[in-house]
Amino acid sequence: MQKKIFIITGESSGDKIASYIINHIKKKKFNIEFLAIGGENIKSQGINCIFDIKDIAFMGFVDVLKNIFF
C-alpha cells in the first residue's frame, strides 16, 4: 500500500523547508504520494497543491475576519 503525506505550510519559509524535505524523501525513492497546501517551492517538486498559500495566507486579525469564509 502506498503511503501518503499531507503537508500544510502557512507561509514562504515553511514552503521552502517543506520542498527541501520532499526533495530528500524523493531521492530515497520511497513509494510516497504527497499532497499539500503550499506555494511555488512545493509545486516545483511536482507536488499537487490543493490550495496555494498566497490565496489563503492573511496578516492580522482584520484580514482573517474579512476572508474567513473565502
PDB file of N, CA and C in Angstrom:
ATOM      1  N   MET A   1       0.838  -1.178   0.000  1.00  0.00           N
ATOM      2  CA  MET A   1       0.000   0.000   0.000  1.00  0.00           C
ATOM      3  C   MET A   1       0.890   1.250   0.000  1.00  0.00           C
ATOM      4  N   GLN A   2       0.550   2.197  -0.840  1.00  0.00           N
ATOM      5  CA  GLN A   2       1.329   3.424  -0.951  1.00  0.00           C
ATOM      6  C   GLN A   2       1.059   4.338   0.242  1.00  0.00           C
ATOM      7  N   LYS A   3       2.124   4.830   0.829  1.00  0.00           N
ATOM      8  CA  LYS A   3       1.984   5.772   1.941  1.00  0.00           C
ATOM      9  C   LYS A   3       1.729   7.160   1.386  1.00  0.00           C
ATOM     10  N   LYS A   4       1.033   7.972   2.177  1.00  0.00           N
ATOM     11  CA  LYS A   4       0.689   9.330   1.764  1.00  0.00           C
ATOM     12  C   LYS A   4       1.127  10.311   2.839  1.00  0.00           C
ATOM     13  N   ILE A   5       1.598  11.462   2.378  1.00  0.00           N
ATOM     14  CA  ILE A   5       1.970  12.544   3.287  1.00  0.00           C
ATOM     15  C   ILE A   5       1.239  13.798   2.841  1.00  0.00           C
ATOM     16  N   PHE A   6       0.546  14.436   3.789  1.00  0.00           N
ATOM     17  CA  PHE A   6      -0.142  15.692   3.524  1.00  0.00           C
ATOM     18  C   PHE A   6       0.621  16.789   4.249  1.00  0.00           C
ATOM     19  N   ILE A   7       1.074  17.789   3.500  1.00  0.00           N
ATOM     20  CA  ILE A   7       1.886  18.868   4.049  1.00  0.00           C
ATOM     21  C   ILE A   7       1.098  20.169   3.999  1.00  0.00           C
ATOM     22  N   ILE A   8       1.112  20.894   5.109  1.00  0.00           N
ATOM     23  CA  ILE A   8       0.474  22.211   5.162  1.00  0.00           C
ATOM     24  C   ILE A   8       1.536  23.236   5.546  1.00  0.00           C
ATOM     25  N   THR A   9       1.715  24.234   4.688  1.00  0.00           N
ATOM     26  CA  THR A   9       2.617  25.336   5.015  1.00  0.00           C
ATOM     27  C   THR A   9       1.795  26.612   5.053  1.00  0.00           C
ATOM     28  N   GLY A  10       2.146  27.491   5.959  1.00  0.00           N
ATOM     29  CA  GLY A  10       1.374  28.720   6.116  1.00  0.00           C
ATOM     30  C   GLY A  10       2.007  29.946   5.499  1.00  0.00           C
ATOM     31  N   GLU A  11       3.298  29.844   5.182  1.00  0.00           N
ATOM     32  CA  GLU A  11       3.986  30.989   4.591  1.00  0.00           C
ATOM     33  C   GLU A  11       5.228  30.497   3.851  1.00  0.00           C
ATOM     34  N   SER A  12       5.953  31.417   3.224  1.00  0.00           N
ATOM     35  CA  SER A  12       7.004  31.040   2.279  1.00  0.00           C
ATOM     36  C   SER A  12       8.188  30.305   2.907  1.00  0.00           C
ATOM     37  N   SER A  13       8.557  30.599   4.146  1.00  0.00           N
ATOM     38  CA  SER A  13       9.694  29.875   4.727  1.00  0.00           C
ATOM     39  C   SER A  13       9.338  28.406   4.985  1.00  0.00           C
ATOM     40  N   GLY A  14       8.110  28.146   5.409  1.00  0.00           N
ATOM     41  CA  GLY A  14       7.651  26.772   5.571  1.00  0.00           C
ATOM     42  C   GLY A  14       7.571  26.045   4.247  1.00  0.00           C
ATOM     43  N   ASP A  15       7.169  26.759   3.209  1.00  0.00           N
ATOM     44  CA  ASP A  15       7.105  26.205   1.859  1.00  0.00           C
ATOM     45  C   ASP A  15       8.500  25.787   1.395  1.00  0.00           C
ATOM     46  N   LYS A  16       9.486  26.616   1.682  1.00  0.00           N
ATOM     47  CA  LYS A  16      10.867  26.331   1.282  1.00  0.00           C
ATOM     48  C   LYS A  16      11.411  25.113   2.032  1.00  0.00           C
ATOM     49  N   ILE A  17      11.179  25.057   3.329  1.00  0.00           N
ATOM     50  CA  ILE A  17      11.647  23.926   4.132  1.00  0.00           C
ATOM     51  C   ILE A  17      10.959  22.638   3.691  1.00  0.00           C
ATOM     52  N   ALA A  18       9.653  22.700   3.459  1.00  0.00           N
ATOM     53  CA  ALA A  18       8.907  21.515   3.022  1.00  0.00           C
ATOM     54  C   ALA A  18       9.421  21.003   1.681  1.00  0.00           C
ATOM     55  N   SER A  19       9.740  21.899   0.753  1.00  0.00           N
ATOM     56  CA  SER A  19      10.250  21.460  -0.553  1.00  0.00           C
ATOM     57  C   SER A  19      11.603  20.775  -0.401  1.00  0.00           C
ATOM     58  N   TYR A  20      12.422  21.250   0.522  1.00  0.00           N
ATOM     59  CA  TYR A  20      13.716  20.627   0.809  1.00  0.00           C
ATOM     60  C   TYR A  20      13.508  19.203   1.335  1.00  0.00           C
ATOM     61  N   ILE A  21      12.571  19.040   2.260  1.00  0.00           N
ATOM     62  CA  ILE A  21      12.278  17.722   2.831  1.00  0.00           C
ATOM     63  C   ILE A  21      11.713  16.791   1.766  1.00  0.00           C
ATOM     64  N   ILE A  22      10.780  17.284   0.960  1.00  0.00           N
ATOM     65  CA  ILE A  22      10.195  16.481  -0.121  1.00  0.00           C
ATOM     66  C   ILE A  22      11.288  16.007  -1.069  1.00  0.00           C
ATOM     67  N   ASN A  23      12.186  16.911  -1.434  1.00  0.00           N
ATOM     68  CA  ASN A  23      13.275  16.574  -2.344  1.00  0.00           C
ATOM     69  C   ASN A  23      14.118  15.428  -1.791  1.00  0.00           C
ATOM     70  N   HIS A  24      14.445  15.476  -0.519  1.00  0.00           N
ATOM     71  CA  HIS A  24      15.262  14.428   0.082  1.00  0.00           C
ATOM     72  C   HIS A  24      14.507  13.108   0.214  1.00  0.00           C
ATOM     73  N   ILE A  25      13.232  13.161   0.508  1.00  0.00           N
ATOM     74  CA  ILE A  25      12.432  11.930   0.564  1.00  0.00           C
ATOM     75  C   ILE A  25      12.347  11.305  -0.826  1.00  0.00           C
ATOM     76  N   LYS A  26      12.140  12.129  -1.853  1.00  0.00           N
ATOM     77  CA  LYS A  26      12.052  11.612  -3.220  1.00  0.00           C
ATOM     78  C   LYS A  26      13.371  10.990  -3.671  1.00  0.00           C
ATOM     79  N   LYS A  27      14.500  11.542  -3.239  1.00  0.00           N
ATOM     80  CA  LYS A  27      15.814  10.983  -3.591  1.00  0.00           C
ATOM     81  C   LYS A  27      16.003   9.583  -3.025  1.00  0.00           C
ATOM     82  N   LYS A  28      15.360   9.300  -1.898  1.00  0.00           N
ATOM     83  CA  LYS A  28      15.452   7.973  -1.278  1.00  0.00           C
ATOM     84  C   LYS A  28      14.572   6.946  -1.997  1.00  0.00           C
ATOM     85  N   LYS A  29      13.758   7.425  -2.939  1.00  0.00           N
ATOM     86  CA  LYS A  29      12.891   6.586  -3.766  1.00  0.00           C
ATOM     87  C   LYS A  29      11.878   5.773  -2.958  1.00  0.00           C
ATOM     88  N   PHE A  30      11.374   6.371  -1.887  1.00  0.00           N
ATOM     89  CA  PHE A  30      10.273   5.754  -1.161  1.00  0.00           C
ATOM     90  C   PHE A  30       9.013   5.887  -2.010  1.00  0.00           C
ATOM     91  N   ASN A  31       8.121   4.941  -1.887  1.00  0.00           N
ATOM     92  CA  ASN A  31       6.865   4.979  -2.633  1.00  0.00           C
ATOM     93  C   ASN A  31       5.852   5.799  -1.827  1.00  0.00           C
ATOM     94  N   ILE A  32       5.978   7.124  -1.911  1.00  0.00           N
ATOM     95  CA  ILE A  32       5.139   8.020  -1.118  1.00  0.00           C
ATOM     96  C   ILE A  32       4.437   9.006  -2.040  1.00  0.00           C
ATOM     97  N   GLU A  33       3.142   9.194  -1.794  1.00  0.00           N
ATOM     98  CA  GLU A  33       2.359  10.198  -2.518  1.00  0.00           C
ATOM     99  C   GLU A  33       2.249  11.438  -1.633  1.00  0.00           C
ATOM    100  N   PHE A  34       2.512  12.600  -2.220  1.00  0.00           N
ATOM    101  CA  PHE A  34       2.425  13.861  -1.484  1.00  0.00           C
ATOM    102  C   PHE A  34       1.216  14.657  -1.952  1.00  0.00           C
ATOM    103  N   LEU A  35       0.589  15.341  -1.033  1.00  0.00           N
ATOM    104  CA  LEU A  35      -0.463  16.316  -1.308  1.00  0.00           C
ATOM    105  C   LEU A  35      -0.196  17.471  -0.358  1.00  0.00           C
ATOM    106  N   ALA A  36      -0.461  18.702  -0.809  1.00  0.00           N
ATOM    107  CA  ALA A  36      -0.045  19.822   0.027  1.00  0.00           C
ATOM    108  C   ALA A  36      -0.933  21.046  -0.115  1.00  0.00           C
ATOM    109  N   ILE A  37      -0.849  21.865   0.902  1.00  0.00           N
ATOM    110  CA  ILE A  37      -1.249  23.264   0.843  1.00  0.00           C
ATOM    111  C   ILE A  37       0.073  24.005   0.931  1.00  0.00           C
ATOM    112  N   GLY A  38       0.476  24.611  -0.169  1.00  0.00           N
ATOM    113  CA  GLY A  38       1.801  25.209  -0.205  1.00  0.00           C
ATOM    114  C   GLY A  38       1.933  26.232  -1.304  1.00  0.00           C
ATOM    115  N   GLY A  39       3.170  26.526  -1.636  1.00  0.00           N
ATOM    116  CA  GLY A  39       3.452  27.558  -2.623  1.00  0.00           C
ATOM    117  C   GLY A  39       4.338  27.060  -3.746  1.00  0.00           C
ATOM    118  N   GLU A  40       5.045  27.994  -4.352  1.00  0.00           N
ATOM    119  CA  GLU A  40       5.842  27.707  -5.538  1.00  0.00           C
ATOM    120  C   GLU A  40       6.963  26.703  -5.291  1.00  0.00           C
ATOM    121  N   ASN A  41       7.569  26.728  -4.125  1.00  0.00           N
ATOM    122  CA  ASN A  41       8.659  25.786  -3.846  1.00  0.00           C
ATOM    123  C   ASN A  41       8.168  24.345  -3.826  1.00  0.00           C
ATOM    124  N   ILE A  42       7.031  24.113  -3.206  1.00  0.00           N
ATOM    125  CA  ILE A  42       6.471  22.757  -3.186  1.00  0.00           C
ATOM    126  C   ILE A  42       6.025  22.356  -4.587  1.00  0.00           C
ATOM    127  N   LYS A  43       5.398  23.278  -5.300  1.00  0.00           N
ATOM    128  CA  LYS A  43       4.969  22.978  -6.670  1.00  0.00           C
ATOM    129  C   LYS A  43       6.156  22.633  -7.561  1.00  0.00           C
ATOM    130  N   SER A  44       7.309  23.254  -7.308  1.00  0.00           N
ATOM    131  CA  SER A  44       8.496  22.975  -8.121  1.00  0.00           C
ATOM    132  C   SER A  44       8.990  21.540  -7.936  1.00  0.00           C
ATOM    133  N   GLN A  45       8.543  20.874  -6.880  1.00  0.00           N
ATOM    134  CA  GLN A  45       8.878  19.469  -6.658  1.00  0.00           C
ATOM    135  C   GLN A  45       7.878  18.532  -7.339  1.00  0.00           C
ATOM    136  N   GLY A  46       6.925  19.112  -8.072  1.00  0.00           N
ATOM    137  CA  GLY A  46       5.929  18.309  -8.780  1.00  0.00           C
ATOM    138  C   GLY A  46       4.781  17.851  -7.903  1.00  0.00           C
ATOM    139  N   ILE A  47       4.576  18.532  -6.798  1.00  0.00           N
ATOM    140  CA  ILE A  47       3.530  18.153  -5.849  1.00  0.00           C
ATOM    141  C   ILE A  47       2.249  18.918  -6.164  1.00  0.00           C
ATOM    142  N   ASN A  48       1.125  18.223  -6.089  1.00  0.00           N
ATOM    143  CA  ASN A  48      -0.178  18.836  -6.317  1.00  0.00           C
ATOM    144  C   ASN A  48      -0.593  19.607  -5.064  1.00  0.00           C
ATOM    145  N   CYS A  49      -0.741  20.913  -5.189  1.00  0.00           N
ATOM    146  CA  CYS A  49      -1.201  21.743  -4.073  1.00  0.00           C
ATOM    147  C   CYS A  49      -2.697  21.995  -4.228  1.00  0.00           C
ATOM    148  N   ILE A  50      -3.468  21.614  -3.210  1.00  0.00           N
ATOM    149  CA  ILE A  50      -4.911  21.828  -3.301  1.00  0.00           C
ATOM    150  C   ILE A  50      -5.269  23.289  -3.075  1.00  0.00           C
ATOM    151  N   PHE A  51      -4.423  24.010  -2.332  1.00  0.00           N
ATOM    152  CA  PHE A  51      -4.542  25.463  -2.175  1.00  0.00           C
ATOM    153  C   PHE A  51      -3.150  26.052  -2.265  1.00  0.00           C
ATOM    154  N   ASP A  52      -3.067  27.253  -2.821  1.00  0.00           N
ATOM    155  CA  ASP A  52      -1.804  27.980  -2.855  1.00  0.00           C
ATOM    156  C   ASP A  52      -1.771  28.909  -1.648  1.00  0.00           C
ATOM    157  N   ILE A  53      -0.640  28.964  -0.964  1.00  0.00           N
ATOM    158  CA  ILE A  53      -0.564  29.781   0.254  1.00  0.00           C
ATOM    159  C   ILE A  53      -0.807  31.258  -0.010  1.00  0.00           C
ATOM    160  N   LYS A  54      -0.508  31.724  -1.214  1.00  0.00           N
ATOM    161  CA  LYS A  54      -0.740  33.149  -1.480  1.00  0.00           C
ATOM    162  C   LYS A  54      -2.234  33.481  -1.506  1.00  0.00           C
ATOM    163  N   ASP A  55      -3.082  32.466  -1.707  1.00  0.00           N
ATOM    164  CA  ASP A  55      -4.526  32.683  -1.718  1.00  0.00           C
ATOM    165  C   ASP A  55      -5.156  32.573  -0.330  1.00  0.00           C
ATOM    166  N   ILE A  56      -4.446  31.970   0.615  1.00  0.00           N
ATOM    167  CA  ILE A  56      -5.057  31.736   1.929  1.00  0.00           C
ATOM    168  C   ILE A  56      -4.251  32.292   3.098  1.00  0.00           C
ATOM    169  N   ALA A  57      -3.121  32.930   2.836  1.00  0.00           N
ATOM    170  CA  ALA A  57      -2.310  33.499   3.919  1.00  0.00           C
ATOM    171  C   ALA A  57      -2.730  34.948   4.162  1.00  0.00           C
ATOM    172  N   PHE A  58      -3.133  35.246   5.384  1.00  0.00           N
ATOM    173  CA  PHE A  58      -3.587  36.584   5.735  1.00  0.00           C
ATOM    174  C   PHE A  58      -2.796  37.090   6.932  1.00  0.00           C
ATOM    175  N   MET A  59      -2.582  38.384   6.971  1.00  0.00           N
ATOM    176  CA  MET A  59      -1.806  39.000   8.039  1.00  0.00           C
ATOM    177  C   MET A  59      -2.724  39.878   8.877  1.00  0.00           C
ATOM    178  N   GLY A  60      -2.772  39.598  10.159  1.00  0.00           N
ATOM    179  CA  GLY A  60      -3.547  40.430  11.066  1.00  0.00           C
ATOM    180  C   GLY A  60      -4.970  39.951  11.271  1.00  0.00           C
ATOM    181  N   PHE A  61      -5.542  40.351  12.361  1.00  0.00           N
ATOM    182  CA  PHE A  61      -6.874  39.925  12.780  1.00  0.00           C
ATOM    183  C   PHE A  61      -7.959  40.362  11.802  1.00  0.00           C
ATOM    184  N   VAL A  62      -7.901  41.589  11.323  1.00  0.00           N
ATOM    185  CA  VAL A  62      -8.936  42.116  10.423  1.00  0.00           C
ATOM    186  C   VAL A  62      -8.928  41.371   9.091  1.00  0.00           C
ATOM    187  N   ASP A  63      -7.747  41.110   8.521  1.00  0.00           N
ATOM    188  CA  ASP A  63      -7.678  40.364   7.263  1.00  0.00           C
ATOM    189  C   ASP A  63      -8.250  38.956   7.413  1.00  0.00           C
ATOM    190  N   VAL A  64      -7.988  38.326   8.543  1.00  0.00           N
ATOM    191  CA  VAL A  64      -8.554  36.994   8.785  1.00  0.00           C
ATOM    192  C   VAL A  64     -10.072  37.074   8.809  1.00  0.00           C
ATOM    193  N   LEU A  65     -10.629  38.027   9.528  1.00  0.00           N
ATOM    194  CA  LEU A  65     -12.086  38.167   9.598  1.00  0.00           C
ATOM    195  C   LEU A  65     -12.701  38.463   8.234  1.00  0.00           C
ATOM    196  N   LYS A  66     -12.045  39.301   7.439  1.00  0.00           N
ATOM    197  CA  LYS A  66     -12.575  39.638   6.112  1.00  0.00           C
ATOM    198  C   LYS A  66     -12.579  38.435   5.178  1.00  0.00           C
ATOM    199  N   ASN A  67     -11.692  37.480   5.400  1.00  0.00           N
ATOM    200  CA  ASN A  67     -11.536  36.357   4.477  1.00  0.00           C
ATOM    201  C   ASN A  67     -11.887  35.009   5.081  1.00  0.00           C
ATOM    202  N   ILE A  68     -12.525  35.000   6.220  1.00  0.00           N
ATOM    203  CA  ILE A  68     -12.762  33.752   6.937  1.00  0.00           C
ATOM    204  C   ILE A  68     -13.657  32.776   6.160  1.00  0.00           C
ATOM    205  N   PHE A  69     -14.536  33.289   5.343  1.00  0.00           N
ATOM    206  CA  PHE A  69     -15.436  32.414   4.589  1.00  0.00           C
ATOM    207  C   PHE A  69     -15.088  32.355   3.112  1.00  0.00           C
ATOM    208  N   PHE A  70     -13.881  32.791   2.768  1.00  0.00           N
ATOM    209  CA  PHE A  70     -13.374  32.780   1.387  1.00  0.00           C
ATOM    210  C   PHE A  70     -14.387  33.428   0.487  1.00  0.00           C
TER     211      PHE A  70
END
